[in-house]
Amino acid sequence: SQEILTERSQVTSGENPPTVTVNLPEQVTTGQEYPFDAIVTEPLGDRVLLGTALEEPVGPDGYLTPATLDLTLLPAGGLFKVGQAPATPESRWISAIIIREDGITEVTQRLRVVGQ
C-alpha cells in the first residue's frame, strides 16, 4: 500500500502572476483548528489583490464539480485564514486563489487529517 504524505500543485496565468508562499501544516487531528496563509511575496504598491480560500475532500468527485468562488479584497498582501479540520479522518485539498491585475496564481496543498 502506498500513501501520499505531501502533495502540492500550483497553476498560474497572466503576464506576471503573483508569487505566493503558503503556510499550512502537513497534518492535523480531527476537529483541530489550523492556520492557512497564502502570502504574496512581491510588494503590493498601489495594486489591488483579490482572493479566496477553498477546502474540498480529496476524491474523484472534486475534479468534475465546478466550485463557486467568493472573491474578497485582500488589503494585507495575502490570505490569512483559520480552518477547522473535519470530525472524520480524511485528507482535504486546501486551495488559495490570488488575483492581481497582471496575473492569477492558484495553489492547492493536501492536508492530512488523522484521528486523535
N, C-alpha and C. Protein backbone atom coordinates (compact mmCIF):
# COMPACT_ATOMS: atom_id res chain seq x y z
N SER A 1 0.85 -1.18 0.00
CA SER A 1 0.00 0.00 0.00
C SER A 1 0.88 1.23 0.00
N GLN A 2 0.38 2.26 -0.61
CA GLN A 2 1.15 3.49 -0.76
C GLN A 2 0.32 4.65 -0.25
N GLU A 3 0.97 5.59 0.44
CA GLU A 3 0.26 6.75 0.97
C GLU A 3 1.02 8.00 0.57
N ILE A 4 0.31 8.99 0.06
CA ILE A 4 0.93 10.25 -0.31
C ILE A 4 0.96 11.13 0.94
N LEU A 5 2.15 11.56 1.33
CA LEU A 5 2.29 12.36 2.55
C LEU A 5 2.18 13.86 2.27
N THR A 6 2.81 14.32 1.21
CA THR A 6 2.75 15.74 0.87
C THR A 6 2.44 15.86 -0.61
N GLU A 7 1.52 16.75 -0.93
CA GLU A 7 1.18 16.96 -2.33
C GLU A 7 0.78 18.42 -2.48
N ARG A 8 1.36 19.07 -3.51
CA ARG A 8 1.10 20.49 -3.72
C ARG A 8 1.12 20.76 -5.21
N SER A 9 0.20 21.59 -5.68
CA SER A 9 0.22 21.99 -7.08
C SER A 9 0.02 23.49 -7.17
N GLN A 10 0.52 24.05 -8.26
CA GLN A 10 0.38 25.48 -8.48
C GLN A 10 0.09 25.71 -9.96
N VAL A 11 -0.90 26.56 -10.23
CA VAL A 11 -1.26 26.92 -11.60
C VAL A 11 -1.23 28.44 -11.67
N THR A 12 -0.58 28.97 -12.71
CA THR A 12 -0.52 30.42 -12.89
C THR A 12 -0.99 30.79 -14.29
N SER A 13 -1.45 32.03 -14.42
CA SER A 13 -1.77 32.57 -15.74
C SER A 13 -1.56 34.07 -15.71
N GLY A 14 -1.42 34.65 -16.89
CA GLY A 14 -1.19 36.09 -17.00
C GLY A 14 0.27 36.40 -17.25
N GLU A 15 0.57 37.71 -17.47
CA GLU A 15 1.94 38.12 -17.79
C GLU A 15 2.87 38.00 -16.60
N ASN A 16 2.39 38.31 -15.41
CA ASN A 16 3.24 38.35 -14.23
C ASN A 16 2.44 37.91 -13.01
N PRO A 17 2.10 36.61 -12.92
CA PRO A 17 1.26 36.16 -11.80
C PRO A 17 1.97 36.37 -10.46
N PRO A 18 1.20 36.60 -9.40
CA PRO A 18 1.81 36.82 -8.09
C PRO A 18 2.59 35.59 -7.62
N THR A 19 3.72 35.83 -6.97
CA THR A 19 4.48 34.76 -6.33
C THR A 19 3.89 34.56 -4.94
N VAL A 20 3.46 33.33 -4.65
CA VAL A 20 2.72 33.06 -3.41
C VAL A 20 3.48 32.04 -2.56
N THR A 21 3.65 32.37 -1.28
CA THR A 21 4.21 31.45 -0.29
C THR A 21 3.07 30.94 0.57
N VAL A 22 2.98 29.61 0.74
CA VAL A 22 1.88 29.01 1.50
C VAL A 22 2.40 28.48 2.83
N ASN A 23 1.68 28.80 3.90
CA ASN A 23 1.95 28.22 5.22
C ASN A 23 0.74 27.40 5.61
N LEU A 24 0.92 26.08 5.65
CA LEU A 24 -0.16 25.15 6.01
C LEU A 24 0.49 23.92 6.63
N PRO A 25 0.01 23.46 7.79
CA PRO A 25 0.59 22.23 8.33
C PRO A 25 0.33 21.05 7.40
N GLU A 26 1.22 20.05 7.41
CA GLU A 26 1.00 18.86 6.58
C GLU A 26 -0.09 17.98 7.17
N GLN A 27 -0.22 18.00 8.51
CA GLN A 27 -1.15 17.10 9.17
C GLN A 27 -1.76 17.77 10.39
N VAL A 28 -3.06 17.52 10.62
CA VAL A 28 -3.76 17.97 11.82
C VAL A 28 -4.62 16.82 12.32
N THR A 29 -5.11 16.94 13.55
CA THR A 29 -6.01 15.92 14.08
C THR A 29 -7.46 16.36 13.86
N THR A 30 -8.37 15.41 13.90
CA THR A 30 -9.79 15.70 13.66
C THR A 30 -10.27 16.82 14.59
N GLY A 31 -11.03 17.75 14.02
CA GLY A 31 -11.60 18.86 14.78
C GLY A 31 -10.64 19.98 15.13
N GLN A 32 -9.37 19.82 14.84
CA GLN A 32 -8.36 20.83 15.21
C GLN A 32 -8.44 22.05 14.30
N GLU A 33 -8.24 23.24 14.89
CA GLU A 33 -8.10 24.45 14.08
C GLU A 33 -6.67 24.49 13.53
N TYR A 34 -6.52 25.07 12.34
CA TYR A 34 -5.20 25.15 11.73
C TYR A 34 -5.08 26.46 10.97
N PRO A 35 -3.87 27.03 10.90
CA PRO A 35 -3.66 28.26 10.14
C PRO A 35 -3.45 27.94 8.66
N PHE A 36 -3.93 28.81 7.80
CA PHE A 36 -3.68 28.71 6.36
C PHE A 36 -3.40 30.11 5.85
N ASP A 37 -2.15 30.34 5.46
CA ASP A 37 -1.74 31.64 4.95
C ASP A 37 -1.23 31.46 3.53
N ALA A 38 -1.64 32.35 2.64
CA ALA A 38 -1.11 32.41 1.28
C ALA A 38 -0.67 33.85 1.07
N ILE A 39 0.64 34.07 1.10
CA ILE A 39 1.21 35.41 1.16
C ILE A 39 1.88 35.73 -0.17
N VAL A 40 1.53 36.89 -0.74
CA VAL A 40 2.18 37.36 -1.97
C VAL A 40 3.52 37.98 -1.58
N THR A 41 4.60 37.50 -2.19
CA THR A 41 5.94 37.93 -1.78
C THR A 41 6.35 39.27 -2.37
N GLU A 42 5.78 39.67 -3.51
CA GLU A 42 6.14 40.96 -4.09
C GLU A 42 5.41 42.08 -3.34
N PRO A 43 6.03 43.29 -3.29
CA PRO A 43 5.33 44.43 -2.69
C PRO A 43 4.06 44.75 -3.48
N LEU A 44 3.01 45.12 -2.77
CA LEU A 44 1.73 45.43 -3.42
C LEU A 44 1.78 46.73 -4.20
N GLY A 45 2.46 47.74 -3.67
CA GLY A 45 2.40 49.06 -4.28
C GLY A 45 0.97 49.55 -4.23
N ASP A 46 0.48 50.08 -5.33
CA ASP A 46 -0.92 50.57 -5.37
C ASP A 46 -1.84 49.56 -6.05
N ARG A 47 -1.35 48.33 -6.24
CA ARG A 47 -2.17 47.31 -6.91
C ARG A 47 -3.13 46.66 -5.92
N VAL A 48 -4.21 46.15 -6.46
CA VAL A 48 -5.25 45.51 -5.66
C VAL A 48 -5.13 43.99 -5.81
N LEU A 49 -5.31 43.28 -4.71
CA LEU A 49 -5.37 41.82 -4.74
C LEU A 49 -6.78 41.37 -4.40
N LEU A 50 -7.25 40.36 -5.13
CA LEU A 50 -8.49 39.67 -4.78
C LEU A 50 -8.13 38.22 -4.52
N GLY A 51 -8.92 37.55 -3.70
CA GLY A 51 -8.61 36.15 -3.47
C GLY A 51 -9.66 35.43 -2.66
N THR A 52 -9.45 34.12 -2.55
CA THR A 52 -10.34 33.29 -1.76
C THR A 52 -9.60 32.01 -1.38
N ALA A 53 -10.14 31.33 -0.38
CA ALA A 53 -9.62 30.02 0.03
C ALA A 53 -10.73 29.00 -0.12
N LEU A 54 -10.36 27.78 -0.51
CA LEU A 54 -11.32 26.69 -0.67
C LEU A 54 -10.82 25.47 0.08
N GLU A 55 -11.75 24.69 0.61
CA GLU A 55 -11.42 23.41 1.24
C GLU A 55 -12.35 22.36 0.65
N GLU A 56 -11.75 21.27 0.13
CA GLU A 56 -12.54 20.21 -0.51
C GLU A 56 -12.00 18.85 -0.09
N PRO A 57 -12.86 17.84 0.01
CA PRO A 57 -12.36 16.49 0.28
C PRO A 57 -11.52 15.98 -0.89
N VAL A 58 -10.52 15.18 -0.59
CA VAL A 58 -9.71 14.56 -1.64
C VAL A 58 -10.51 13.38 -2.18
N GLY A 59 -10.75 13.38 -3.47
CA GLY A 59 -11.51 12.29 -4.10
C GLY A 59 -11.86 12.66 -5.51
N PRO A 60 -12.34 11.70 -6.29
CA PRO A 60 -12.61 11.95 -7.70
C PRO A 60 -13.75 12.94 -7.94
N ASP A 61 -14.68 13.10 -6.99
CA ASP A 61 -15.81 14.00 -7.22
C ASP A 61 -15.38 15.44 -7.42
N GLY A 62 -14.36 15.88 -6.72
CA GLY A 62 -13.93 17.27 -6.78
C GLY A 62 -13.40 17.70 -8.13
N TYR A 63 -12.91 16.75 -8.93
CA TYR A 63 -12.32 17.11 -10.21
C TYR A 63 -13.36 17.54 -11.23
N LEU A 64 -14.58 17.07 -11.10
CA LEU A 64 -15.60 17.35 -12.11
C LEU A 64 -16.64 18.36 -11.64
N THR A 65 -16.59 18.74 -10.37
CA THR A 65 -17.58 19.67 -9.84
C THR A 65 -17.00 21.07 -9.82
N PRO A 66 -17.55 22.00 -10.60
CA PRO A 66 -17.01 23.36 -10.57
C PRO A 66 -17.30 24.03 -9.22
N ALA A 67 -16.34 24.79 -8.74
CA ALA A 67 -16.50 25.48 -7.46
C ALA A 67 -16.93 26.93 -7.72
N THR A 68 -17.78 27.45 -6.86
CA THR A 68 -18.15 28.86 -6.92
C THR A 68 -17.14 29.63 -6.08
N LEU A 69 -16.55 30.66 -6.65
CA LEU A 69 -15.54 31.44 -5.94
C LEU A 69 -16.16 32.71 -5.37
N ASP A 70 -15.95 32.94 -4.09
CA ASP A 70 -16.40 34.14 -3.42
C ASP A 70 -15.16 34.99 -3.15
N LEU A 71 -14.80 35.84 -4.12
CA LEU A 71 -13.57 36.62 -4.02
C LEU A 71 -13.76 37.80 -3.07
N THR A 72 -12.71 38.07 -2.28
CA THR A 72 -12.72 39.22 -1.39
C THR A 72 -11.46 40.04 -1.62
N LEU A 73 -11.53 41.31 -1.28
CA LEU A 73 -10.38 42.21 -1.36
C LEU A 73 -9.37 41.80 -0.30
N LEU A 74 -8.09 41.74 -0.67
CA LEU A 74 -7.04 41.31 0.25
C LEU A 74 -6.08 42.48 0.51
N PRO A 75 -6.42 43.37 1.43
CA PRO A 75 -5.58 44.55 1.65
C PRO A 75 -4.25 44.24 2.34
N ALA A 76 -4.11 43.09 2.97
CA ALA A 76 -2.90 42.78 3.75
C ALA A 76 -1.84 42.02 2.96
N GLY A 77 -2.00 41.87 1.64
CA GLY A 77 -0.97 41.20 0.85
C GLY A 77 -1.08 39.69 0.80
N GLY A 78 -2.26 39.17 1.10
CA GLY A 78 -2.45 37.73 1.03
C GLY A 78 -3.67 37.29 1.79
N LEU A 79 -3.84 35.97 1.86
CA LEU A 79 -4.94 35.35 2.62
C LEU A 79 -4.40 34.88 3.96
N PHE A 80 -5.11 35.17 5.01
CA PHE A 80 -4.74 34.73 6.35
C PHE A 80 -5.99 34.13 6.97
N LYS A 81 -6.09 32.81 6.97
CA LYS A 81 -7.32 32.13 7.40
C LYS A 81 -7.02 31.15 8.53
N VAL A 82 -8.07 30.81 9.27
CA VAL A 82 -8.01 29.72 10.24
C VAL A 82 -9.09 28.73 9.83
N GLY A 83 -8.67 27.50 9.55
CA GLY A 83 -9.62 26.45 9.15
C GLY A 83 -9.88 25.52 10.31
N GLN A 84 -10.87 24.67 10.14
CA GLN A 84 -11.17 23.65 11.15
C GLN A 84 -11.24 22.31 10.44
N ALA A 85 -10.45 21.37 10.95
CA ALA A 85 -10.42 20.03 10.36
C ALA A 85 -11.77 19.35 10.56
N PRO A 86 -12.18 18.49 9.62
CA PRO A 86 -13.45 17.77 9.77
C PRO A 86 -13.39 16.80 10.96
N ALA A 87 -14.54 16.30 11.35
CA ALA A 87 -14.64 15.39 12.50
C ALA A 87 -14.18 13.97 12.17
N THR A 88 -14.05 13.67 10.89
CA THR A 88 -13.60 12.33 10.49
C THR A 88 -12.22 12.42 9.85
N PRO A 89 -11.37 11.41 10.06
CA PRO A 89 -10.03 11.45 9.47
C PRO A 89 -10.10 11.25 7.95
N GLU A 90 -9.74 12.26 7.20
CA GLU A 90 -9.69 12.18 5.74
C GLU A 90 -8.83 13.33 5.24
N SER A 91 -8.21 13.14 4.11
CA SER A 91 -7.40 14.20 3.54
C SER A 91 -8.29 15.24 2.89
N ARG A 92 -7.82 16.49 2.90
CA ARG A 92 -8.56 17.61 2.29
C ARG A 92 -7.61 18.35 1.35
N TRP A 93 -8.19 18.94 0.29
CA TRP A 93 -7.45 19.88 -0.55
C TRP A 93 -7.71 21.27 0.00
N ILE A 94 -6.66 22.01 0.28
CA ILE A 94 -6.78 23.39 0.73
C ILE A 94 -6.18 24.24 -0.39
N SER A 95 -6.97 25.18 -0.92
CA SER A 95 -6.54 25.97 -2.07
C SER A 95 -6.64 27.46 -1.78
N ALA A 96 -5.74 28.21 -2.40
CA ALA A 96 -5.81 29.67 -2.40
C ALA A 96 -5.79 30.12 -3.84
N ILE A 97 -6.66 31.06 -4.17
CA ILE A 97 -6.65 31.69 -5.48
C ILE A 97 -6.39 33.17 -5.25
N ILE A 98 -5.31 33.69 -5.83
CA ILE A 98 -4.93 35.09 -5.67
C ILE A 98 -4.94 35.73 -7.06
N ILE A 99 -5.67 36.83 -7.18
CA ILE A 99 -5.82 37.52 -8.47
C ILE A 99 -5.28 38.94 -8.35
N ARG A 100 -4.41 39.29 -9.28
CA ARG A 100 -3.88 40.64 -9.38
C ARG A 100 -4.10 41.08 -10.82
N GLU A 101 -4.01 42.37 -11.09
CA GLU A 101 -4.30 42.87 -12.44
C GLU A 101 -3.42 42.23 -13.51
N ASP A 102 -2.23 41.75 -13.15
CA ASP A 102 -1.31 41.20 -14.14
C ASP A 102 -1.17 39.68 -14.09
N GLY A 103 -2.02 39.01 -13.30
CA GLY A 103 -1.95 37.56 -13.30
C GLY A 103 -2.72 36.91 -12.16
N ILE A 104 -2.83 35.59 -12.25
CA ILE A 104 -3.56 34.78 -11.28
C ILE A 104 -2.66 33.63 -10.84
N THR A 105 -2.66 33.35 -9.54
CA THR A 105 -1.97 32.17 -9.02
C THR A 105 -2.95 31.36 -8.20
N GLU A 106 -2.99 30.05 -8.47
CA GLU A 106 -3.83 29.13 -7.69
C GLU A 106 -2.90 28.06 -7.13
N VAL A 107 -2.91 27.92 -5.80
CA VAL A 107 -2.07 26.95 -5.12
C VAL A 107 -2.98 26.00 -4.35
N THR A 108 -2.75 24.70 -4.50
CA THR A 108 -3.52 23.69 -3.77
C THR A 108 -2.55 22.78 -3.04
N GLN A 109 -2.86 22.50 -1.79
CA GLN A 109 -2.00 21.62 -0.99
C GLN A 109 -2.86 20.63 -0.22
N ARG A 110 -2.34 19.41 -0.07
CA ARG A 110 -3.05 18.37 0.67
C ARG A 110 -2.84 18.58 2.16
N LEU A 111 -3.93 18.47 2.92
CA LEU A 111 -3.89 18.50 4.38
C LEU A 111 -4.36 17.14 4.88
N ARG A 112 -3.50 16.42 5.58
CA ARG A 112 -3.88 15.12 6.13
C ARG A 112 -4.57 15.34 7.46
N VAL A 113 -5.74 14.72 7.63
CA VAL A 113 -6.49 14.79 8.89
C VAL A 113 -6.49 13.39 9.48
N VAL A 114 -5.93 13.27 10.68
CA VAL A 114 -5.80 11.96 11.33
C VAL A 114 -6.62 11.93 12.61
N GLY A 115 -7.00 10.74 13.05
CA GLY A 115 -7.75 10.59 14.30
C GLY A 115 -6.89 10.93 15.50
N GLN A 116 -7.55 11.25 16.61
CA GLN A 116 -6.81 11.69 17.79
C GLN A 116 -6.17 10.56 18.53
